[in-house]
Every structure is written in C-alpha cells, then in structure tokens.
Amino acid sequence: MIPRRDRSLWHMITAPTIWALHFCVIYGWTAAVCAKTGDAELARTGIVAATVAALLGIAISGWRAWRQWDYLDDRDYVHDQPTEEHRREFLGHAGWLLALVSAIGVLFNASPAFWIGSCL
C-alpha cells in the first residue's frame, strides 16, 4: 500500500508555492522598507533571509520528491503505465523537477538584491 502522502498532489506543488510566496514577500518587503526608511541595506538583508528560508523549504520538498521518484532503485524514466507505482513515481519526478525550477526562480527573484544601490 502506497502511503497517502505519496498519492497527494499537495506535496508536488509545495516548491512552486514557496517560490510564489517568496516573490510576494521580497517585493512587498522591499517596497515597505524603501518607502518607510529608505534603508537599502535593510531591504537587502530581508531579501537574503527570505531567500535562504525559501531555498531551505524547496530543498526539503525536492528531497522528498526525489525519494518518492525512487530513480536510483530502478533507473526508470518512463512512468506511462496505469499502476500505483508509476503514478507515485511520476508525481515524485514532477515534484523534483518543479523543485529544481522553483529554486532557480527564487534565485532569479533575489538577484536584484545584488544591484540595490539605494531605495531611490
């Protein structure tokens, strides 16, 4: 019997959800800090902290998806059969790829922190 969490779509979309939340948080944070204080260093610090937290969450989600994909067990890329094993491995594979794309997106969203000179 496959564990219930391995049949759920929720854990597959965890990483993109973290990416979306990271986007909202860092741009909201930067706008609020720059509007109220004008301190670019504080904005940069918040972006770095949010990025580290988001990457940690995405790494955990990606690791769980990698384990569910179970690629190293049978080195099977194809999940085209209507069996529970193939569905479970497909969800793991898709979750792992989404975690990879989400990590790249988080780094891309955080990249303006390198070029913030001032809040003006």
PDB file of N, CA and C in Angstrom:
ATOM      1  N   MET A   1       0.844  -1.190   0.000  1.00  0.00           N
ATOM      2  CA  MET A   1       0.000   0.000   0.000  1.00  0.00           C
ATOM      3  C   MET A   1       0.884   1.247   0.000  1.00  0.00           C
ATOM      4  N   ILE A   2       0.595   2.158  -0.896  1.00  0.00           N
ATOM      5  CA  ILE A   2       1.355   3.402  -1.001  1.00  0.00           C
ATOM      6  C   ILE A   2       0.855   4.377   0.066  1.00  0.00           C
ATOM      7  N   PRO A   3       1.788   5.014   0.801  1.00  0.00           N
ATOM      8  CA  PRO A   3       1.356   5.989   1.817  1.00  0.00           C
ATOM      9  C   PRO A   3       0.505   7.095   1.195  1.00  0.00           C
ATOM     10  N   ARG A   4      -0.431   7.597   1.965  1.00  0.00           N
ATOM     11  CA  ARG A   4      -1.368   8.613   1.483  1.00  0.00           C
ATOM     12  C   ARG A   4      -0.649   9.857   0.975  1.00  0.00           C
ATOM     13  N   ARG A   5       0.427  10.278   1.641  1.00  0.00           N
ATOM     14  CA  ARG A   5       1.120  11.492   1.223  1.00  0.00           C
ATOM     15  C   ARG A   5       1.771  11.335  -0.143  1.00  0.00           C
ATOM     16  N   ASP A   6       2.104  10.109  -0.544  1.00  0.00           N
ATOM     17  CA  ASP A   6       2.713   9.877  -1.846  1.00  0.00           C
ATOM     18  C   ASP A   6       1.694   9.899  -2.976  1.00  0.00           C
ATOM     19  N   ARG A   7       0.406   9.900  -2.654  1.00  0.00           N
ATOM     20  CA  ARG A   7      -0.644   9.961  -3.668  1.00  0.00           C
ATOM     21  C   ARG A   7      -1.223  11.359  -3.800  1.00  0.00           C
ATOM     22  N   SER A   8      -0.787  12.269  -2.974  1.00  0.00           N
ATOM     23  CA  SER A   8      -1.353  13.608  -2.943  1.00  0.00           C
ATOM     24  C   SER A   8      -0.617  14.540  -3.909  1.00  0.00           C
ATOM     25  N   LEU A   9      -1.366  15.462  -4.491  1.00  0.00           N
ATOM     26  CA  LEU A   9      -0.759  16.472  -5.351  1.00  0.00           C
ATOM     27  C   LEU A   9      -0.192  17.640  -4.553  1.00  0.00           C
ATOM     28  N   TRP A  10      -0.596  17.775  -3.294  1.00  0.00           N
ATOM     29  CA  TRP A  10      -0.185  18.923  -2.498  1.00  0.00           C
ATOM     30  C   TRP A  10       1.316  18.999  -2.305  1.00  0.00           C
ATOM     31  N   HIS A  11       1.944  17.870  -2.028  1.00  0.00           N
ATOM     32  CA  HIS A  11       3.387  17.942  -1.808  1.00  0.00           C
ATOM     33  C   HIS A  11       4.136  18.204  -3.111  1.00  0.00           C
ATOM     34  N   MET A  12       3.509  17.920  -4.254  1.00  0.00           N
ATOM     35  CA  MET A  12       4.147  18.199  -5.534  1.00  0.00           C
ATOM     36  C   MET A  12       4.184  19.701  -5.811  1.00  0.00           C
ATOM     37  N   ILE A  13       3.184  20.441  -5.343  1.00  0.00           N
ATOM     38  CA  ILE A  13       3.139  21.875  -5.622  1.00  0.00           C
ATOM     39  C   ILE A  13       3.696  22.717  -4.480  1.00  0.00           C
ATOM     40  N   THR A  14       4.314  22.087  -3.519  1.00  0.00           N
ATOM     41  CA  THR A  14       4.888  22.832  -2.393  1.00  0.00           C
ATOM     42  C   THR A  14       5.982  23.789  -2.860  1.00  0.00           C
ATOM     43  N   ALA A  15       6.907  23.305  -3.664  1.00  0.00           N
ATOM     44  CA  ALA A  15       8.029  24.148  -4.104  1.00  0.00           C
ATOM     45  C   ALA A  15       7.566  25.358  -4.921  1.00  0.00           C
ATOM     46  N   PRO A  16       6.681  25.197  -5.922  1.00  0.00           N
ATOM     47  CA  PRO A  16       6.223  26.398  -6.629  1.00  0.00           C
ATOM     48  C   PRO A  16       5.447  27.365  -5.730  1.00  0.00           C
ATOM     49  N   THR A  17       4.763  26.830  -4.733  1.00  0.00           N
ATOM     50  CA  THR A  17       4.056  27.696  -3.788  1.00  0.00           C
ATOM     51  C   THR A  17       5.044  28.507  -2.965  1.00  0.00           C
ATOM     52  N   ILE A  18       6.121  27.874  -2.526  1.00  0.00           N
ATOM     53  CA  ILE A  18       7.173  28.591  -1.790  1.00  0.00           C
ATOM     54  C   ILE A  18       7.770  29.670  -2.683  1.00  0.00           C
ATOM     55  N   TRP A  19       7.994  29.351  -3.944  1.00  0.00           N
ATOM     56  CA  TRP A  19       8.545  30.328  -4.884  1.00  0.00           C
ATOM     57  C   TRP A  19       7.607  31.531  -5.010  1.00  0.00           C
ATOM     58  N   ALA A  20       6.316  31.294  -5.151  1.00  0.00           N
ATOM     59  CA  ALA A  20       5.350  32.389  -5.281  1.00  0.00           C
ATOM     60  C   ALA A  20       5.302  33.237  -4.006  1.00  0.00           C
ATOM     61  N   LEU A  21       5.304  32.583  -2.860  1.00  0.00           N
ATOM     62  CA  LEU A  21       5.308  33.323  -1.591  1.00  0.00           C
ATOM     63  C   LEU A  21       6.585  34.140  -1.438  1.00  0.00           C
ATOM     64  N   HIS A  22       7.714  33.560  -1.832  1.00  0.00           N
ATOM     65  CA  HIS A  22       8.989  34.277  -1.768  1.00  0.00           C
ATOM     66  C   HIS A  22       8.928  35.537  -2.625  1.00  0.00           C
ATOM     67  N   PHE A  23       8.378  35.415  -3.815  1.00  0.00           N
ATOM     68  CA  PHE A  23       8.243  36.564  -4.703  1.00  0.00           C
ATOM     69  C   PHE A  23       7.442  37.676  -4.025  1.00  0.00           C
ATOM     70  N   CYS A  24       6.284  37.312  -3.482  1.00  0.00           N
ATOM     71  CA  CYS A  24       5.423  38.311  -2.827  1.00  0.00           C
ATOM     72  C   CYS A  24       6.105  38.928  -1.608  1.00  0.00           C
ATOM     73  N   VAL A  25       6.746  38.099  -0.818  1.00  0.00           N
ATOM     74  CA  VAL A  25       7.381  38.592   0.414  1.00  0.00           C
ATOM     75  C   VAL A  25       8.530  39.543   0.105  1.00  0.00           C
ATOM     76  N   ILE A  26       9.430  39.162  -0.807  1.00  0.00           N
ATOM     77  CA  ILE A  26      10.600  40.028  -1.004  1.00  0.00           C
ATOM     78  C   ILE A  26      10.240  41.343  -1.688  1.00  0.00           C
ATOM     79  N   TYR A  27       9.317  41.311  -2.624  1.00  0.00           N
ATOM     80  CA  TYR A  27       8.958  42.569  -3.267  1.00  0.00           C
ATOM     81  C   TYR A  27       8.109  43.437  -2.351  1.00  0.00           C
ATOM     82  N   GLY A  28       7.250  42.820  -1.562  1.00  0.00           N
ATOM     83  CA  GLY A  28       6.498  43.587  -0.562  1.00  0.00           C
ATOM     84  C   GLY A  28       7.412  44.160   0.509  1.00  0.00           C
ATOM     85  N   TRP A  29       8.343  43.352   0.971  1.00  0.00           N
ATOM     86  CA  TRP A  29       9.313  43.787   1.989  1.00  0.00           C
ATOM     87  C   TRP A  29      10.146  44.961   1.466  1.00  0.00           C
ATOM     88  N   THR A  30      10.654  44.817   0.268  1.00  0.00           N
ATOM     89  CA  THR A  30      11.497  45.868  -0.302  1.00  0.00           C
ATOM     90  C   THR A  30      10.708  47.163  -0.488  1.00  0.00           C
ATOM     91  N   ALA A  31       9.497  47.065  -0.959  1.00  0.00           N
ATOM     92  CA  ALA A  31       8.669  48.259  -1.145  1.00  0.00           C
ATOM     93  C   ALA A  31       8.371  48.928   0.192  1.00  0.00           C
ATOM     94  N   ALA A  32       8.039  48.126   1.198  1.00  0.00           N
ATOM     95  CA  ALA A  32       7.718  48.698   2.510  1.00  0.00           C
ATOM     96  C   ALA A  32       8.938  49.334   3.164  1.00  0.00           C
ATOM     97  N   VAL A  33      10.065  48.645   3.120  1.00  0.00           N
ATOM     98  CA  VAL A  33      11.278  49.185   3.754  1.00  0.00           C
ATOM     99  C   VAL A  33      11.750  50.440   3.038  1.00  0.00           C
ATOM    100  N   CYS A  34      11.754  50.411   1.739  1.00  0.00           N
ATOM    101  CA  CYS A  34      12.218  51.585   0.995  1.00  0.00           C
ATOM    102  C   CYS A  34      11.265  52.769   1.147  1.00  0.00           C
ATOM    103  N   ALA A  35       9.971  52.510   1.244  1.00  0.00           N
ATOM    104  CA  ALA A  35       9.011  53.599   1.417  1.00  0.00           C
ATOM    105  C   ALA A  35       9.096  54.210   2.812  1.00  0.00           C
ATOM    106  N   LYS A  36       9.309  53.376   3.822  1.00  0.00           N
ATOM    107  CA  LYS A  36       9.295  53.881   5.201  1.00  0.00           C
ATOM    108  C   LYS A  36      10.653  54.398   5.667  1.00  0.00           C
ATOM    109  N   THR A  37      11.725  53.645   5.377  1.00  0.00           N
ATOM    110  CA  THR A  37      13.026  54.012   5.935  1.00  0.00           C
ATOM    111  C   THR A  37      14.035  54.441   4.882  1.00  0.00           C
ATOM    112  N   GLY A  38      13.913  53.951   3.668  1.00  0.00           N
ATOM    113  CA  GLY A  38      14.893  54.259   2.633  1.00  0.00           C
ATOM    114  C   GLY A  38      16.219  53.535   2.832  1.00  0.00           C
ATOM    115  N   ASP A  39      16.248  52.517   3.683  1.00  0.00           N
ATOM    116  CA  ASP A  39      17.471  51.785   4.011  1.00  0.00           C
ATOM    117  C   ASP A  39      17.636  50.583   3.076  1.00  0.00           C
ATOM    118  N   ALA A  40      18.477  50.733   2.067  1.00  0.00           N
ATOM    119  CA  ALA A  40      18.688  49.664   1.095  1.00  0.00           C
ATOM    120  C   ALA A  40      19.354  48.451   1.730  1.00  0.00           C
ATOM    121  N   GLU A  41      20.194  48.671   2.726  1.00  0.00           N
ATOM    122  CA  GLU A  41      20.878  47.550   3.381  1.00  0.00           C
ATOM    123  C   GLU A  41      19.883  46.668   4.143  1.00  0.00           C
ATOM    124  N   LEU A  42      18.907  47.289   4.781  1.00  0.00           N
ATOM    125  CA  LEU A  42      17.865  46.532   5.472  1.00  0.00           C
ATOM    126  C   LEU A  42      17.020  45.744   4.458  1.00  0.00           C
ATOM    127  N   ALA A  43      16.732  46.348   3.333  1.00  0.00           N
ATOM    128  CA  ALA A  43      15.988  45.650   2.281  1.00  0.00           C
ATOM    129  C   ALA A  43      16.781  44.447   1.786  1.00  0.00           C
ATOM    130  N   ARG A  44      18.074  44.633   1.560  1.00  0.00           N
ATOM    131  CA  ARG A  44      18.933  43.553   1.090  1.00  0.00           C
ATOM    132  C   ARG A  44      19.007  42.418   2.115  1.00  0.00           C
ATOM    133  N   THR A  45      19.107  42.756   3.377  1.00  0.00           N
ATOM    134  CA  THR A  45      19.166  41.747   4.434  1.00  0.00           C
ATOM    135  C   THR A  45      17.881  40.926   4.482  1.00  0.00           C
ATOM    136  N   GLY A  46      16.742  41.576   4.332  1.00  0.00           N
ATOM    137  CA  GLY A  46      15.466  40.869   4.305  1.00  0.00           C
ATOM    138  C   GLY A  46      15.345  39.942   3.111  1.00  0.00           C
ATOM    139  N   ILE A  47      15.835  40.403   1.960  1.00  0.00           N
ATOM    140  CA  ILE A  47      15.798  39.566   0.756  1.00  0.00           C
ATOM    141  C   ILE A  47      16.658  38.324   0.951  1.00  0.00           C
ATOM    142  N   VAL A  48      17.840  38.497   1.503  1.00  0.00           N
ATOM    143  CA  VAL A  48      18.730  37.347   1.724  1.00  0.00           C
ATOM    144  C   VAL A  48      18.114  36.368   2.718  1.00  0.00           C
ATOM    145  N   ALA A  49      17.540  36.875   3.793  1.00  0.00           N
ATOM    146  CA  ALA A  49      16.925  35.992   4.794  1.00  0.00           C
ATOM    147  C   ALA A  49      15.746  35.217   4.200  1.00  0.00           C
ATOM    148  N   ALA A  50      14.893  35.900   3.459  1.00  0.00           N
ATOM    149  CA  ALA A  50      13.747  35.230   2.836  1.00  0.00           C
ATOM    150  C   ALA A  50      14.204  34.216   1.793  1.00  0.00           C
ATOM    151  N   THR A  51      15.276  34.526   1.081  1.00  0.00           N
ATOM    152  CA  THR A  51      15.787  33.614   0.054  1.00  0.00           C
ATOM    153  C   THR A  51      16.363  32.351   0.678  1.00  0.00           C
ATOM    154  N   VAL A  52      17.113  32.503   1.751  1.00  0.00           N
ATOM    155  CA  VAL A  52      17.663  31.328   2.438  1.00  0.00           C
ATOM    156  C   VAL A  52      16.535  30.442   2.959  1.00  0.00           C
ATOM    157  N   ALA A  53      15.520  31.051   3.562  1.00  0.00           N
ATOM    158  CA  ALA A  53      14.387  30.268   4.079  1.00  0.00           C
ATOM    159  C   ALA A  53      13.644  29.558   2.946  1.00  0.00           C
ATOM    160  N   ALA A  54      13.429  30.260   1.834  1.00  0.00           N
ATOM    161  CA  ALA A  54      12.723  29.655   0.696  1.00  0.00           C
ATOM    162  C   ALA A  54      13.523  28.511   0.094  1.00  0.00           C
ATOM    163  N   LEU A  55      14.828  28.705  -0.062  1.00  0.00           N
ATOM    164  CA  LEU A  55      15.659  27.634  -0.630  1.00  0.00           C
ATOM    165  C   LEU A  55      15.710  26.418   0.283  1.00  0.00           C
ATOM    166  N   LEU A  56      15.691  26.637   1.578  1.00  0.00           N
ATOM    167  CA  LEU A  56      15.657  25.511   2.517  1.00  0.00           C
ATOM    168  C   LEU A  56      14.350  24.731   2.365  1.00  0.00           C
ATOM    169  N   GLY A  57      13.235  25.439   2.300  1.00  0.00           N
ATOM    170  CA  GLY A  57      11.939  24.775   2.116  1.00  0.00           C
ATOM    171  C   GLY A  57      11.857  24.030   0.793  1.00  0.00           C
ATOM    172  N   ILE A  58      12.390  24.627  -0.263  1.00  0.00           N
ATOM    173  CA  ILE A  58      12.383  23.979  -1.568  1.00  0.00           C
ATOM    174  C   ILE A  58      13.301  22.762  -1.571  1.00  0.00           C
ATOM    175  N   ALA A  59      14.428  22.855  -0.892  1.00  0.00           N
ATOM    176  CA  ALA A  59      15.341  21.707  -0.817  1.00  0.00           C
ATOM    177  C   ALA A  59      14.682  20.527  -0.101  1.00  0.00           C
ATOM    178  N   ILE A  60      13.966  20.806   0.961  1.00  0.00           N
ATOM    179  CA  ILE A  60      13.257  19.742   1.673  1.00  0.00           C
ATOM    180  C   ILE A  60      12.189  19.125   0.779  1.00  0.00           C
ATOM    181  N   SER A  61      11.435  19.972   0.107  1.00  0.00           N
ATOM    182  CA  SER A  61      10.399  19.478  -0.807  1.00  0.00           C
ATOM    183  C   SER A  61      11.017  18.662  -1.943  1.00  0.00           C
ATOM    184  N   GLY A  62      12.114  19.133  -2.505  1.00  0.00           N
ATOM    185  CA  GLY A  62      12.793  18.421  -3.577  1.00  0.00           C
ATOM    186  C   GLY A  62      13.365  17.086  -3.123  1.00  0.00           C
ATOM    187  N   TRP A  63      13.898  17.053  -1.909  1.00  0.00           N
ATOM    188  CA  TRP A  63      14.428  15.796  -1.381  1.00  0.00           C
ATOM    189  C   TRP A  63      13.315  14.767  -1.197  1.00  0.00           C
ATOM    190  N   ARG A  64      12.188  15.198  -0.676  1.00  0.00           N
ATOM    191  CA  ARG A  64      11.053  14.277  -0.525  1.00  0.00           C
ATOM    192  C   ARG A  64      10.577  13.769  -1.880  1.00  0.00           C
ATOM    193  N   ALA A  65      10.540  14.647  -2.879  1.00  0.00           N
ATOM    194  CA  ALA A  65      10.116  14.241  -4.220  1.00  0.00           C
ATOM    195  C   ALA A  65      11.137  13.282  -4.841  1.00  0.00           C
ATOM    196  N   TRP A  66      12.425  13.544  -4.624  1.00  0.00           N
ATOM    197  CA  TRP A  66      13.473  12.652  -5.144  1.00  0.00           C
ATOM    198  C   TRP A  66      13.325  11.249  -4.560  1.00  0.00           C
ATOM    199  N   ARG A  67      13.060  11.202  -3.257  1.00  0.00           N
ATOM    200  CA  ARG A  67      12.879   9.897  -2.608  1.00  0.00           C
ATOM    201  C   ARG A  67      11.627   9.200  -3.140  1.00  0.00           C
ATOM    202  N   GLN A  68      10.587   9.929  -3.403  1.00  0.00           N
ATOM    203  CA  GLN A  68       9.364   9.339  -3.934  1.00  0.00           C
ATOM    204  C   GLN A  68       9.568   8.867  -5.370  1.00  0.00           C
ATOM    205  N   TRP A  69      10.325   9.606  -6.156  1.00  0.00           N
ATOM    206  CA  TRP A  69      10.595   9.231  -7.534  1.00  0.00           C
ATOM    207  C   TRP A  69      11.318   7.890  -7.571  1.00  0.00           C
ATOM    208  N   ASP A  70      12.237   7.682  -6.628  1.00  0.00           N
ATOM    209  CA  ASP A  70      12.929   6.400  -6.482  1.00  0.00           C
ATOM    210  C   ASP A  70      13.688   6.029  -7.751  1.00  0.00           C
ATOM    211  N   TYR A  71      14.312   7.008  -8.372  1.00  0.00           N
ATOM    212  CA  TYR A  71      15.009   6.789  -9.637  1.00  0.00           C
ATOM    213  C   TYR A  71      16.199   5.848  -9.475  1.00  0.00           C
ATOM    214  N   LEU A  72      16.975   5.984  -8.421  1.00  0.00           N
ATOM    215  CA  LEU A  72      18.172   5.168  -8.264  1.00  0.00           C
ATOM    216  C   LEU A  72      17.856   3.696  -8.048  1.00  0.00           C
ATOM    217  N   ASP A  73      16.626   3.386  -7.656  1.00  0.00           N
ATOM    218  CA  ASP A  73      16.254   1.996  -7.423  1.00  0.00           C
ATOM    219  C   ASP A  73      16.178   1.205  -8.725  1.00  0.00           C
ATOM    220  N   ASP A  74      15.507   1.764  -9.735  1.00  0.00           N
ATOM    221  CA  ASP A  74      15.343   1.024 -10.985  1.00  0.00           C
ATOM    222  C   ASP A  74      15.761   1.811 -12.231  1.00  0.00           C
ATOM    223  N   ARG A  75      16.248   3.039 -12.051  1.00  0.00           N
ATOM    224  CA  ARG A  75      16.692   3.897 -13.150  1.00  0.00           C
ATOM    225  C   ARG A  75      15.638   3.993 -14.262  1.00  0.00           C
ATOM    226  N   ASP A  76      14.420   4.201 -13.834  1.00  0.00           N
ATOM    227  CA  ASP A  76      13.286   4.216 -14.747  1.00  0.00           C
ATOM    228  C   ASP A  76      12.812   5.650 -14.967  1.00  0.00           C
ATOM    229  N   TYR A  77      12.929   6.136 -16.201  1.00  0.00           N
ATOM    230  CA  TYR A  77      12.451   7.465 -16.556  1.00  0.00           C
ATOM    231  C   TYR A  77      10.988   7.470 -16.967  1.00  0.00           C
ATOM    232  N   VAL A  78      10.512   6.356 -17.452  1.00  0.00           N
ATOM    233  CA  VAL A  78       9.187   6.294 -18.051  1.00  0.00           C
ATOM    234  C   VAL A  78       8.164   5.843 -17.012  1.00  0.00           C
ATOM    235  N   HIS A  79       7.087   6.618 -16.910  1.00  0.00           N
ATOM    236  CA  HIS A  79       6.010   6.322 -15.955  1.00  0.00           C
ATOM    237  C   HIS A  79       4.688   6.390 -16.705  1.00  0.00           C
ATOM    238  N   ASP A  80       4.503   5.494 -17.662  1.00  0.00           N
ATOM    239  CA  ASP A  80       3.338   5.587 -18.536  1.00  0.00           C
ATOM    240  C   ASP A  80       2.312   4.473 -18.330  1.00  0.00           C
ATOM    241  N   GLN A  81       2.472   3.685 -17.309  1.00  0.00           N
ATOM    242  CA  GLN A  81       1.527   2.600 -17.049  1.00  0.00           C
ATOM    243  C   GLN A  81       0.486   3.044 -16.020  1.00  0.00           C
ATOM    244  N   PRO A  82      -0.718   2.516 -16.101  1.00  0.00           N
ATOM    245  CA  PRO A  82      -1.763   2.891 -15.136  1.00  0.00           C
ATOM    246  C   PRO A  82      -1.671   2.080 -13.835  1.00  0.00           C
ATOM    247  N   THR A  83      -0.494   2.108 -13.220  1.00  0.00           N
ATOM    248  CA  THR A  83      -0.304   1.391 -11.963  1.00  0.00           C
ATOM    249  C   THR A  83      -0.019   2.396 -10.857  1.00  0.00           C
ATOM    250  N   GLU A  84      -0.210   1.970  -9.627  1.00  0.00           N
ATOM    251  CA  GLU A  84       0.056   2.868  -8.496  1.00  0.00           C
ATOM    252  C   GLU A  84       1.531   3.235  -8.418  1.00  0.00           C
ATOM    253  N   GLU A  85       2.401   2.299  -8.712  1.00  0.00           N
ATOM    254  CA  GLU A  85       3.844   2.587  -8.668  1.00  0.00           C
ATOM    255  C   GLU A  85       4.222   3.654  -9.689  1.00  0.00           C
ATOM    256  N   HIS A  86       3.709   3.548 -10.889  1.00  0.00           N
ATOM    257  CA  HIS A  86       4.029   4.526 -11.925  1.00  0.00           C
ATOM    258  C   HIS A  86       3.442   5.896 -11.590  1.00  0.00           C
ATOM    259  N   ARG A  87       2.258   5.931 -11.032  1.00  0.00           N
ATOM    260  CA  ARG A  87       1.663   7.223 -10.629  1.00  0.00           C
ATOM    261  C   ARG A  87       2.481   7.860  -9.522  1.00  0.00           C
ATOM    262  N   ARG A  88       2.890   7.058  -8.541  1.00  0.00           N
ATOM    263  CA  ARG A  88       3.697   7.570  -7.431  1.00  0.00           C
ATOM    264  C   ARG A  88       5.032   8.100  -7.946  1.00  0.00           C
ATOM    265  N   GLU A  89       5.691   7.344  -8.812  1.00  0.00           N
ATOM    266  CA  GLU A  89       6.977   7.785  -9.348  1.00  0.00           C
ATOM    267  C   GLU A  89       6.833   9.012 -10.243  1.00  0.00           C
ATOM    268  N   PHE A  90       5.735   9.083 -11.000  1.00  0.00           N
ATOM    269  CA  PHE A  90       5.501  10.263 -11.826  1.00  0.00           C
ATOM    270  C   PHE A  90       5.342  11.513 -10.960  1.00  0.00           C
ATOM    271  N   LEU A  91       4.552  11.404  -9.888  1.00  0.00           N
ATOM    272  CA  LEU A  91       4.370  12.556  -9.002  1.00  0.00           C
ATOM    273  C   LEU A  91       5.691  12.965  -8.359  1.00  0.00           C
ATOM    274  N   GLY A  92       6.515  11.995  -7.991  1.00  0.00           N
ATOM    275  CA  GLY A  92       7.827  12.305  -7.436  1.00  0.00           C
ATOM    276  C   GLY A  92       8.727  12.971  -8.454  1.00  0.00           C
ATOM    277  N   HIS A  93       8.720  12.457  -9.679  1.00  0.00           N
ATOM    278  CA  HIS A  93       9.533  13.028 -10.743  1.00  0.00           C
ATOM    279  C   HIS A  93       9.103  14.466 -11.038  1.00  0.00           C
ATOM    280  N   ALA A  94       7.811  14.674 -11.186  1.00  0.00           N
ATOM    281  CA  ALA A  94       7.295  16.021 -11.447  1.00  0.00           C
ATOM    282  C   ALA A  94       7.591  16.961 -10.282  1.00  0.00           C
ATOM    283  N   GLY A  95       7.439  16.470  -9.053  1.00  0.00           N
ATOM    284  CA  GLY A  95       7.737  17.291  -7.881  1.00  0.00           C
ATOM    285  C   GLY A  95       9.199  17.688  -7.817  1.00  0.00           C
ATOM    286  N   TRP A  96      10.093  16.754  -8.184  1.00  0.00           N
ATOM    287  CA  TRP A  96      11.524  17.057  -8.163  1.00  0.00           C
ATOM    288  C   TRP A  96      11.873  18.106  -9.218  1.00  0.00           C
ATOM    289  N   LEU A  97      11.307  17.969 -10.410  1.00  0.00           N
ATOM    290  CA  LEU A  97      11.570  18.949 -11.457  1.00  0.00           C
ATOM    291  C   LEU A  97      11.000  20.323 -11.100  1.00  0.00           C
ATOM    292  N   LEU A  98       9.821  20.334 -10.489  1.00  0.00           N
ATOM    293  CA  LEU A  98       9.243  21.607 -10.044  1.00  0.00           C
ATOM    294  C   LEU A  98      10.083  22.248  -8.943  1.00  0.00           C
ATOM    295  N   ALA A  99      10.663  21.439  -8.066  1.00  0.00           N
ATOM    296  CA  ALA A  99      11.542  21.977  -7.026  1.00  0.00           C
ATOM    297  C   ALA A  99      12.793  22.593  -7.647  1.00  0.00           C
ATOM    298  N   LEU A 100      13.327  21.947  -8.667  1.00  0.00           N
ATOM    299  CA  LEU A 100      14.508  22.479  -9.351  1.00  0.00           C
ATOM    300  C   LEU A 100      14.200  23.820 -10.019  1.00  0.00           C
ATOM    301  N   VAL A 101      13.100  23.881 -10.744  1.00  0.00           N
ATOM    302  CA  VAL A 101      12.706  25.131 -11.403  1.00  0.00           C
ATOM    303  C   VAL A 101      12.401  26.216 -10.361  1.00  0.00           C
ATOM    304  N   SER A 102      11.780  25.834  -9.261  1.00  0.00           N
ATOM    305  CA  SER A 102      11.440  26.794  -8.211  1.00  0.00           C
ATOM    306  C   SER A 102      12.688  27.371  -7.561  1.00  0.00           C
ATOM    307  N   ALA A 103      13.706  26.546  -7.343  1.00  0.00           N
ATOM    308  CA  ALA A 103      14.956  27.043  -6.760  1.00  0.00           C
ATOM    309  C   ALA A 103      15.619  28.053  -7.697  1.00  0.00           C
ATOM    310  N   ILE A 104      15.613  27.768  -8.992  1.00  0.00           N
ATOM    311  CA  ILE A 104      16.164  28.713  -9.957  1.00  0.00           C
ATOM    312  C   ILE A 104      15.358  30.006  -9.951  1.00  0.00           C
ATOM    313  N   GLY A 105      14.030  29.891  -9.862  1.00  0.00           N
ATOM    314  CA  GLY A 105      13.168  31.073  -9.811  1.00  0.00           C
ATOM    315  C   GLY A 105      13.406  31.914  -8.574  1.00  0.00           C
ATOM    316  N   VAL A 106      13.599  31.274  -7.432  1.00  0.00           N
ATOM    317  CA  VAL A 106      13.875  32.012  -6.189  1.00  0.00           C
ATOM    318  C   VAL A 106      15.188  32.777  -6.317  1.00  0.00           C
ATOM    319  N   LEU A 107      16.211  32.136  -6.863  1.00  0.00           N
ATOM    320  CA  LEU A 107      17.492  32.826  -7.047  1.00  0.00           C
ATOM    321  C   LEU A 107      17.347  33.991  -8.030  1.00  0.00           C
ATOM    322  N   PHE A 108      16.557  33.790  -9.069  1.00  0.00           N
ATOM    323  CA  PHE A 108      16.314  34.867 -10.025  1.00  0.00           C
ATOM    324  C   PHE A 108      15.567  36.027  -9.363  1.00  0.00           C
ATOM    325  N   ASN A 109      14.555  35.705  -8.542  1.00  0.00           N
ATOM    326  CA  ASN A 109      13.806  36.758  -7.842  1.00  0.00           C
ATOM    327  C   ASN A 109      14.686  37.538  -6.882  1.00  0.00           C
ATOM    328  N   ALA A 110      15.664  36.869  -6.285  1.00  0.00           N
ATOM    329  CA  ALA A 110      16.530  37.521  -5.303  1.00  0.00           C
ATOM    330  C   ALA A 110      17.682  38.281  -5.944  1.00  0.00           C
ATOM    331  N   SER A 111      17.906  38.082  -7.220  1.00  0.00           N
ATOM    332  CA  SER A 111      19.064  38.701  -7.874  1.00  0.00           C
ATOM    333  C   SER A 111      19.093  40.231  -7.801  1.00  0.00           C
ATOM    334  N   PRO A 112      17.983  40.954  -7.773  1.00  0.00           N
ATOM    335  CA  PRO A 112      18.085  42.408  -7.636  1.00  0.00           C
ATOM    336  C   PRO A 112      18.763  42.861  -6.340  1.00  0.00           C
ATOM    337  N   ALA A 113      18.813  41.997  -5.339  1.00  0.00           N
ATOM    338  CA  ALA A 113      19.487  42.370  -4.095  1.00  0.00           C
ATOM    339  C   ALA A 113      20.966  42.654  -4.337  1.00  0.00           C
ATOM    340  N   PHE A 114      21.537  42.058  -5.377  1.00  0.00           N
ATOM    341  CA  PHE A 114      22.944  42.311  -5.683  1.00  0.00           C
ATOM    342  C   PHE A 114      23.166  43.689  -6.274  1.00  0.00           C
ATOM    343  N   TRP A 115      22.125  44.272  -6.875  1.00  0.00           N
ATOM    344  CA  TRP A 115      22.280  45.550  -7.560  1.00  0.00           C
ATOM    345  C   TRP A 115      21.606  46.715  -6.847  1.00  0.00           C
ATOM    346  N   ILE A 116      21.000  46.466  -5.703  1.00  0.00           N
ATOM    347  CA  ILE A 116      20.368  47.565  -4.976  1.00  0.00           C
ATOM    348  C   ILE A 116      21.460  48.507  -4.487  1.00  0.00           C
ATOM    349  N   GLY A 117      21.415  49.723  -4.990  1.00  0.00           N
ATOM    350  CA  GLY A 117      22.376  50.730  -4.523  1.00  0.00           C
ATOM    351  C   GLY A 117      21.710  51.652  -3.517  1.00  0.00           C
ATOM    352  N   SER A 118      20.466  51.975  -3.792  1.00  0.00           N
ATOM    353  CA  SER A 118      19.701  52.812  -2.887  1.00  0.00           C
ATOM    354  C   SER A 118      18.236  52.559  -3.156  1.00  0.00           C
ATOM    355  N   CYS A 119      17.406  53.101  -2.326  1.00  0.00           N
ATOM    356  CA  CYS A 119      15.962  52.917  -2.488  1.00  0.00           C
ATOM    357  C   CYS A 119      15.320  53.999  -3.346  1.00  0.00           C
ATOM    358  N   LEU A 120      16.128  54.874  -3.893  1.00  0.00           N
ATOM    359  CA  LEU A 120      15.579  55.969  -4.705  1.00  0.00           C
ATOM    360  C   LEU A 120      15.209  55.548  -6.073  1.00  0.00           C
TER     361      LEU A 120
END
